[in-house]
Amino acid sequence: MKAVFVRGKNKVAVDDISVPNLGDRDVLVKMRACGLCGSDLEKVYGDYGMSSSRLGHEPTGDIINVGKSVKGFSIGDRVFVHHHVSCHACHYCWHGDLTMCNMYQKSNIEPCGLSEQILVPEANVIRGGLVKLPENVTFDEASLIEPLACCIRGLAKCRLQKGDDIAILGAGPAGLMLTILAKLTGAGKIVAFDLNQFRLDFAKEHFGIDTYNVAREKDIIKKMQEITDCRGADTTIVATGNSKAILQSFDLTRKGGNVLLFGVPTEGSRVLCNISKVYSSELSIIPSYASSEIEINQAIRLISSKRIEIGSLITHRFDIANAGEGIECAHRAEDAIKVIITAK
């Protein structure tokens, strides 16, 4: 079977490898679609700050084999596969910090999400890492479940109120999913900032929000002040790992507001800021990493109930044999929003 691996800086390879051995309590899934995430691109082109270098954590497909002791799943079931699961029994889990659980990073799928066949180990099967899909959710839509779940968790941390004004730095897939969710919660003005004019035009056309190109807009801080009657955004979402954007977020946000750190920063990133201003303005700086099975199931319900429509974010599809081209397309982002990898 084919699987995709990082083979050095800026290099990936599609290798032919053996199908993982199925244990008595494991499940084997035929991958049908898997989205490419900013963290995947960081692993290839940047310096990813987490321990895993596996590519693909947004896979979906159908079950083609189950271990003899597996209960609740059968061959032919259409499923979403979550790569990490929590133990639900440690100090972190008891405090609701499921993504901080030590088991969360240790658990994973084999060999990765960008693989024609995926082994889902027992721990993931029994702890919510394998979820049956409703019949009305397509594989394409299901490949967006994991990033949507991450966005759900991030916004929940901000405790948005109806009518809140929101600034979004980064109009990529995550920024646009956060836009969709913010509109659903009844946000007031939503303003997106980016360097990529294609993505800004896409955001304006599909979601009707105000957009500004940071390369052309001389003073985005002043612009946000004008839009919000001199207050600033109630919540600023940094949907990029760019350190400059993090610094800008502090000035874009009103006193007492929230800054959501959502984008994937490069390993070793540093920012030098006036912490006195952060303190005196009572800014809440809120990081949000990944998602748990709680948000995964919320994302599935949102998609299945048709309360949101996110399939339009998919602009490119590449067969796994051409995954390298797909990763490059997502990295360039010249005319791309969400790129997914498929397998027949």
Protein backbone atom coordinates (compact mmCIF):
# COMPACT_ATOMS: atom_id res chain seq x y z
CA MET A 1 0.00 0.00 0.00
CA LYS A 2 1.02 3.63 -0.49
CA ALA A 3 1.82 6.00 2.38
CA VAL A 4 3.35 9.48 2.52
CA PHE A 5 6.36 10.39 4.65
CA VAL A 6 8.60 13.39 5.33
CA ARG A 7 12.01 12.73 3.77
CA GLY A 8 13.94 15.82 4.79
CA LYS A 9 13.44 19.57 4.59
CA ASN A 10 10.90 20.42 1.86
CA LYS A 11 10.75 16.78 0.76
CA VAL A 12 8.07 14.09 0.93
CA ALA A 13 7.92 10.62 -0.57
CA VAL A 14 5.08 8.28 -1.46
CA ASP A 15 6.39 4.85 -0.47
CA ASP A 16 5.04 1.36 -0.94
CA ILE A 17 4.92 -0.32 2.46
CA SER A 18 3.32 -3.37 4.04
CA VAL A 19 -0.17 -3.24 5.53
CA PRO A 20 0.09 -3.02 9.36
CA ASN A 21 -0.61 -6.23 11.26
CA LEU A 22 -4.13 -6.34 12.70
CA GLY A 23 -4.43 -7.18 16.39
CA ASP A 24 -7.45 -8.77 18.04
CA ARG A 25 -8.80 -5.40 19.17
CA ASP A 26 -7.66 -3.25 16.25
CA VAL A 27 -9.54 -1.95 13.22
CA LEU A 28 -8.23 -1.49 9.67
CA VAL A 29 -9.66 1.41 7.68
CA LYS A 30 -9.44 2.08 3.96
CA MET A 31 -8.67 5.80 3.67
CA ARG A 32 -10.98 7.63 1.27
CA ALA A 33 -10.10 11.24 2.03
CA CYS A 34 -7.66 13.08 4.29
CA GLY A 35 -7.23 16.83 4.59
CA LEU A 36 -3.89 18.61 4.64
CA CYS A 37 -3.37 20.77 7.70
CA GLY A 38 -1.06 23.67 8.49
CA SER A 39 0.78 21.39 10.90
CA ASP A 40 1.47 18.97 8.02
CA LEU A 41 2.99 21.82 6.03
CA GLU A 42 5.03 22.91 9.05
CA LYS A 43 6.45 19.38 9.32
CA VAL A 44 7.57 19.51 5.68
CA TYR A 45 8.56 23.13 5.18
CA GLY A 46 9.11 24.52 8.68
CA ASP A 47 10.17 23.49 12.17
CA TYR A 48 7.22 21.77 13.80
CA GLY A 49 7.18 22.16 17.57
CA MET A 50 5.49 18.88 18.51
CA SER A 51 7.06 15.43 18.69
CA SER A 52 5.18 13.73 15.84
CA SER A 53 6.39 13.96 12.24
CA ARG A 54 3.56 11.85 10.81
CA LEU A 55 1.62 13.33 7.94
CA GLY A 56 -2.16 13.38 7.85
CA HIS A 57 -4.45 13.51 10.87
CA GLU A 58 -7.79 14.23 9.20
CA PRO A 59 -8.59 10.84 7.62
CA THR A 60 -11.91 9.23 6.91
CA GLY A 61 -12.87 6.03 5.13
CA ASP A 62 -14.53 2.66 5.52
CA ILE A 63 -13.63 -0.32 7.66
CA ILE A 64 -12.13 -3.23 5.70
CA ASN A 65 -11.13 -5.50 8.60
CA VAL A 66 -11.72 -5.80 12.34
CA GLY A 67 -9.98 -7.81 15.03
CA LYS A 68 -11.91 -10.79 16.37
CA SER A 69 -12.48 -9.10 19.76
CA VAL A 70 -13.71 -5.76 18.41
CA LYS A 71 -17.26 -4.84 19.35
CA GLY A 72 -19.47 -2.14 17.87
CA PHE A 73 -17.75 -1.87 14.49
CA SER A 74 -18.13 -3.99 11.35
CA ILE A 75 -16.58 -4.28 7.92
CA GLY A 76 -18.19 -1.71 5.65
CA ASP A 77 -18.84 0.92 8.34
CA ARG A 78 -18.06 4.45 7.15
CA VAL A 79 -15.95 6.12 9.83
CA PHE A 80 -13.95 9.15 10.86
CA VAL A 81 -10.57 8.39 12.42
CA HIS A 82 -9.14 10.60 15.16
CA HIS A 83 -5.40 10.19 15.58
CA HIS A 84 -5.14 11.05 19.29
CA VAL A 85 -7.25 10.02 22.29
CA SER A 86 -7.11 10.82 26.02
CA CYS A 87 -7.09 8.40 28.93
CA HIS A 88 -9.99 10.09 30.85
CA ALA A 89 -8.41 9.00 34.12
CA CYS A 90 -5.49 11.36 34.78
CA HIS A 91 -5.18 14.75 36.51
CA TYR A 92 -5.38 16.60 33.19
CA CYS A 93 -8.48 14.75 32.03
CA TRP A 94 -10.21 15.29 35.40
CA HIS A 95 -9.71 19.02 34.85
CA GLY A 96 -11.11 18.87 31.32
CA ASP A 97 -7.69 19.39 29.71
CA LEU A 98 -8.06 16.33 27.48
CA THR A 99 -5.52 17.44 24.88
CA MET A 100 -2.89 17.84 27.62
CA CYS A 101 -3.25 14.22 28.70
CA ASN A 102 0.06 12.33 28.47
CA MET A 103 -1.68 9.60 26.52
CA TYR A 104 -2.95 12.09 23.95
CA GLN A 105 0.43 12.51 22.24
CA LYS A 106 1.42 8.87 22.73
CA SER A 107 -1.70 7.50 21.04
CA ASN A 108 -1.74 7.49 17.25
CA ILE A 109 -2.75 5.64 14.12
CA GLU A 110 -0.44 3.52 11.94
CA PRO A 111 1.38 4.44 9.81
CA CYS A 112 -0.30 7.87 9.36
CA GLY A 113 -3.43 9.49 7.93
CA LEU A 114 -1.90 9.87 4.47
CA SER A 115 -1.93 6.14 3.89
CA GLU A 116 -4.13 3.91 1.75
CA GLN A 117 -4.89 1.76 4.77
CA ILE A 118 -4.84 2.89 8.40
CA LEU A 119 -4.54 0.74 11.49
CA VAL A 120 -6.63 2.11 14.36
CA PRO A 121 -5.24 0.54 17.56
CA GLU A 122 -7.33 -0.72 20.44
CA ALA A 123 -6.78 2.39 22.60
CA ASN A 124 -8.19 4.65 19.89
CA VAL A 125 -11.07 2.29 19.10
CA ILE A 126 -12.33 2.11 22.70
CA ARG A 127 -11.69 5.76 23.62
CA GLY A 128 -13.66 7.53 20.93
CA GLY A 129 -11.01 7.73 18.22
CA LEU A 130 -13.21 5.89 15.73
CA VAL A 131 -16.64 7.37 14.99
CA LYS A 132 -19.31 6.10 12.59
CA LEU A 133 -20.42 8.65 10.01
CA PRO A 134 -24.05 9.55 9.39
CA GLU A 135 -25.15 8.48 5.92
CA ASN A 136 -25.63 12.08 4.79
CA VAL A 137 -22.01 13.06 5.53
CA THR A 138 -19.73 12.53 2.53
CA PHE A 139 -16.10 11.47 2.81
CA ASP A 140 -15.06 14.91 1.54
CA GLU A 141 -17.04 16.59 4.33
CA ALA A 142 -15.75 14.07 6.86
CA SER A 143 -12.15 15.02 6.01
CA LEU A 144 -12.96 18.43 7.52
CA ILE A 145 -14.27 17.07 10.84
CA GLU A 146 -10.97 17.27 12.74
CA PRO A 147 -10.04 20.86 11.83
CA LEU A 148 -13.62 21.96 12.43
CA ALA A 149 -13.49 20.29 15.85
CA CYS A 150 -10.31 22.21 16.67
CA CYS A 151 -12.08 25.44 15.73
CA ILE A 152 -15.08 24.55 17.90
CA ARG A 153 -12.81 24.01 20.89
CA GLY A 154 -10.91 27.24 20.30
CA LEU A 155 -14.03 29.41 20.03
CA ALA A 156 -15.58 27.75 23.07
CA LYS A 157 -12.60 28.90 25.10
CA CYS A 158 -13.32 32.51 24.08
CA ARG A 159 -16.91 32.47 25.37
CA LEU A 160 -18.18 34.71 22.59
CA GLN A 161 -21.29 36.77 23.17
CA LYS A 162 -23.83 37.59 20.48
CA GLY A 163 -22.84 40.72 18.63
CA ASP A 164 -19.14 40.46 19.48
CA ASP A 165 -16.79 41.93 16.87
CA ILE A 166 -14.06 39.59 15.72
CA ALA A 167 -10.76 40.10 13.92
CA ILE A 168 -9.23 37.06 12.21
CA LEU A 169 -5.57 37.10 11.23
CA GLY A 170 -5.25 34.47 8.52
CA ALA A 171 -7.92 33.56 5.96
CA GLY A 172 -6.80 30.00 5.35
CA PRO A 173 -8.95 26.91 6.01
CA ALA A 174 -8.88 27.34 9.79
CA GLY A 175 -9.58 31.07 9.61
CA LEU A 176 -12.59 30.46 7.38
CA MET A 177 -13.95 27.62 9.55
CA LEU A 178 -13.65 29.95 12.53
CA THR A 179 -15.53 32.54 10.47
CA ILE A 180 -18.33 30.06 9.77
CA LEU A 181 -18.63 29.16 13.45
CA ALA A 182 -18.48 32.79 14.58
CA LYS A 183 -21.35 33.67 12.24
CA LEU A 184 -23.30 30.72 13.63
CA THR A 185 -22.87 32.02 17.18
CA GLY A 186 -24.25 35.44 16.19
CA ALA A 187 -21.05 37.45 15.97
CA GLY A 188 -21.26 41.11 14.99
CA LYS A 189 -18.60 42.38 12.58
CA ILE A 190 -16.10 39.80 11.38
CA VAL A 191 -12.98 41.15 9.70
CA ALA A 192 -10.30 38.97 8.10
CA PHE A 193 -6.71 40.06 7.44
CA ASP A 194 -4.26 38.18 5.23
CA LEU A 195 -1.52 38.58 2.63
CA ASN A 196 -3.19 36.15 0.21
CA GLN A 197 -5.63 38.06 -1.98
CA PHE A 198 -7.21 34.88 -3.38
CA ARG A 199 -8.19 33.77 0.09
CA LEU A 200 -9.47 37.22 1.02
CA ASP A 201 -11.62 37.34 -2.12
CA PHE A 202 -12.91 33.84 -1.34
CA ALA A 203 -13.85 34.90 2.19
CA LYS A 204 -15.69 37.98 0.99
CA GLU A 205 -17.53 36.13 -1.79
CA HIS A 206 -18.59 33.09 0.23
CA PHE A 207 -19.14 34.57 3.69
CA GLY A 208 -19.76 38.26 3.12
CA ILE A 209 -17.22 39.48 5.67
CA ASP A 210 -14.92 42.49 5.47
CA THR A 211 -11.40 41.61 4.32
CA TYR A 212 -8.15 43.55 4.14
CA ASN A 213 -4.81 42.71 2.59
CA VAL A 214 -2.15 43.52 5.18
CA ALA A 215 0.34 44.27 2.42
CA ARG A 216 -1.91 47.04 1.07
CA GLU A 217 -3.61 48.31 4.21
CA LYS A 218 -1.08 50.63 5.83
CA ASP A 219 -2.47 50.49 9.36
CA ILE A 220 -4.70 47.53 10.22
CA ILE A 221 -4.87 48.64 13.85
CA LYS A 222 -6.40 51.96 12.82
CA LYS A 223 -8.75 50.16 10.40
CA MET A 224 -10.05 47.88 13.17
CA GLN A 225 -10.54 50.87 15.43
CA GLU A 226 -12.63 52.55 12.73
CA ILE A 227 -14.75 49.45 12.23
CA THR A 228 -15.44 49.01 15.96
CA ASP A 229 -16.06 52.61 17.04
CA CYS A 230 -12.54 52.93 18.47
CA ARG A 231 -12.85 49.92 20.81
CA GLY A 232 -11.03 47.20 18.91
CA ALA A 233 -12.12 43.61 18.43
CA ASP A 234 -13.82 41.78 21.29
CA THR A 235 -11.86 38.72 20.19
CA THR A 236 -8.89 38.54 17.85
CA ILE A 237 -8.12 35.12 16.41
CA VAL A 238 -4.55 34.47 15.29
CA ALA A 239 -5.13 31.75 12.69
CA THR A 240 -1.52 31.81 11.55
CA GLY A 241 1.78 30.93 13.18
CA ASN A 242 3.31 34.26 12.14
CA SER A 243 4.91 35.96 15.16
CA LYS A 244 4.18 39.43 13.78
CA ALA A 245 0.48 38.58 13.71
CA ILE A 246 0.61 37.67 17.41
CA LEU A 247 2.04 41.08 18.25
CA GLN A 248 -0.55 42.83 16.06
CA SER A 249 -3.34 40.94 17.82
CA PHE A 250 -2.61 42.72 21.10
CA ASP A 251 -3.26 46.11 19.48
CA LEU A 252 -6.24 44.91 17.46
CA THR A 253 -8.10 43.79 20.59
CA ARG A 254 -10.15 45.99 22.91
CA LYS A 255 -9.40 46.36 26.59
CA GLY A 256 -10.62 43.27 28.40
CA GLY A 257 -10.83 41.32 25.15
CA ASN A 258 -9.55 37.92 24.06
CA VAL A 259 -6.64 36.88 21.86
CA LEU A 260 -7.01 33.30 20.61
CA LEU A 261 -3.68 31.77 19.59
CA PHE A 262 -4.81 29.18 17.08
CA GLY A 263 -2.19 28.95 14.32
CA VAL A 264 0.76 26.56 14.52
CA PRO A 265 3.93 28.48 15.49
CA THR A 266 7.39 27.47 14.36
CA GLU A 267 9.52 25.72 16.97
CA GLY A 268 11.46 28.29 18.98
CA SER A 269 9.27 31.25 17.97
CA ARG A 270 9.71 34.27 20.21
CA VAL A 271 7.81 37.55 20.53
CA LEU A 272 8.91 40.65 22.39
CA CYS A 273 5.91 42.59 23.62
CA ASN A 274 4.97 45.27 26.11
CA ILE A 275 3.64 42.98 28.80
CA SER A 276 2.65 46.02 30.87
CA LYS A 277 0.10 46.91 28.19
CA VAL A 278 -1.22 43.34 28.14
CA TYR A 279 -1.57 43.52 31.91
CA SER A 280 -3.16 46.97 32.14
CA SER A 281 -5.56 46.18 29.28
CA GLU A 282 -6.52 42.87 30.92
CA LEU A 283 -6.11 40.97 27.68
CA SER A 284 -6.86 37.26 27.90
CA ILE A 285 -4.36 35.31 25.81
CA ILE A 286 -5.86 31.93 25.05
CA PRO A 287 -3.92 29.17 23.27
CA SER A 288 -5.92 26.33 21.77
CA TYR A 289 -4.23 23.14 20.62
CA ALA A 290 -6.06 20.29 18.87
CA SER A 291 -9.42 18.78 19.89
CA SER A 292 -10.93 15.89 21.79
CA GLU A 293 -13.65 13.39 20.90
CA ILE A 294 -16.14 15.83 22.46
CA GLU A 295 -15.59 18.42 19.73
CA ILE A 296 -15.23 15.70 17.09
CA ASN A 297 -18.79 14.59 17.76
CA GLN A 298 -20.01 18.20 17.87
CA ALA A 299 -18.42 18.79 14.46
CA ILE A 300 -20.12 15.71 13.02
CA ARG A 301 -23.50 16.87 14.30
CA LEU A 302 -23.03 20.35 12.84
CA ILE A 303 -22.16 18.94 9.43
CA SER A 304 -24.84 16.24 9.47
CA SER A 305 -27.59 18.63 10.57
CA LYS A 306 -26.63 21.02 7.74
CA ARG A 307 -26.39 23.91 10.21
CA ILE A 308 -23.16 24.77 8.46
CA GLU A 309 -21.81 24.06 4.98
CA ILE A 310 -18.05 23.62 4.79
CA GLY A 311 -17.61 21.46 1.70
CA SER A 312 -17.07 24.58 -0.39
CA LEU A 313 -13.73 25.12 1.38
CA ILE A 314 -12.28 22.17 -0.55
CA THR A 315 -10.69 23.63 -3.67
CA HIS A 316 -8.27 20.85 -4.65
CA ARG A 317 -8.17 17.06 -4.55
CA PHE A 318 -5.11 14.92 -5.25
CA ASP A 319 -4.82 11.15 -5.42
CA ILE A 320 -2.40 9.74 -2.85
CA ALA A 321 0.03 8.83 -5.63
CA ASN A 322 0.33 12.57 -6.28
CA ALA A 323 0.37 13.62 -2.64
CA GLY A 324 3.61 15.53 -3.11
CA GLU A 325 1.91 17.81 -5.62
CA GLY A 326 -1.00 18.27 -3.24
CA ILE A 327 1.29 19.24 -0.37
CA GLU A 328 3.10 21.73 -2.59
CA CYS A 329 -0.24 23.17 -3.76
CA ALA A 330 -1.37 23.65 -0.17
CA HIS A 331 1.95 25.25 0.72
CA ARG A 332 1.89 27.74 -2.18
CA ALA A 333 -1.81 28.48 -1.56
CA GLU A 334 -1.91 30.62 -4.70
CA ASP A 335 -5.44 29.51 -5.54
CA ALA A 336 -6.14 27.02 -2.77
CA ILE A 337 -8.17 26.96 0.41
CA LYS A 338 -8.45 23.36 1.60
CA VAL A 339 -6.51 20.61 -0.17
CA ILE A 340 -7.41 16.97 0.45
CA ILE A 341 -5.74 13.71 -0.49
CA THR A 342 -7.93 10.85 -1.70
CA ALA A 343 -7.53 7.12 -2.23
CA LYS A 344 -9.74 4.76 -4.24
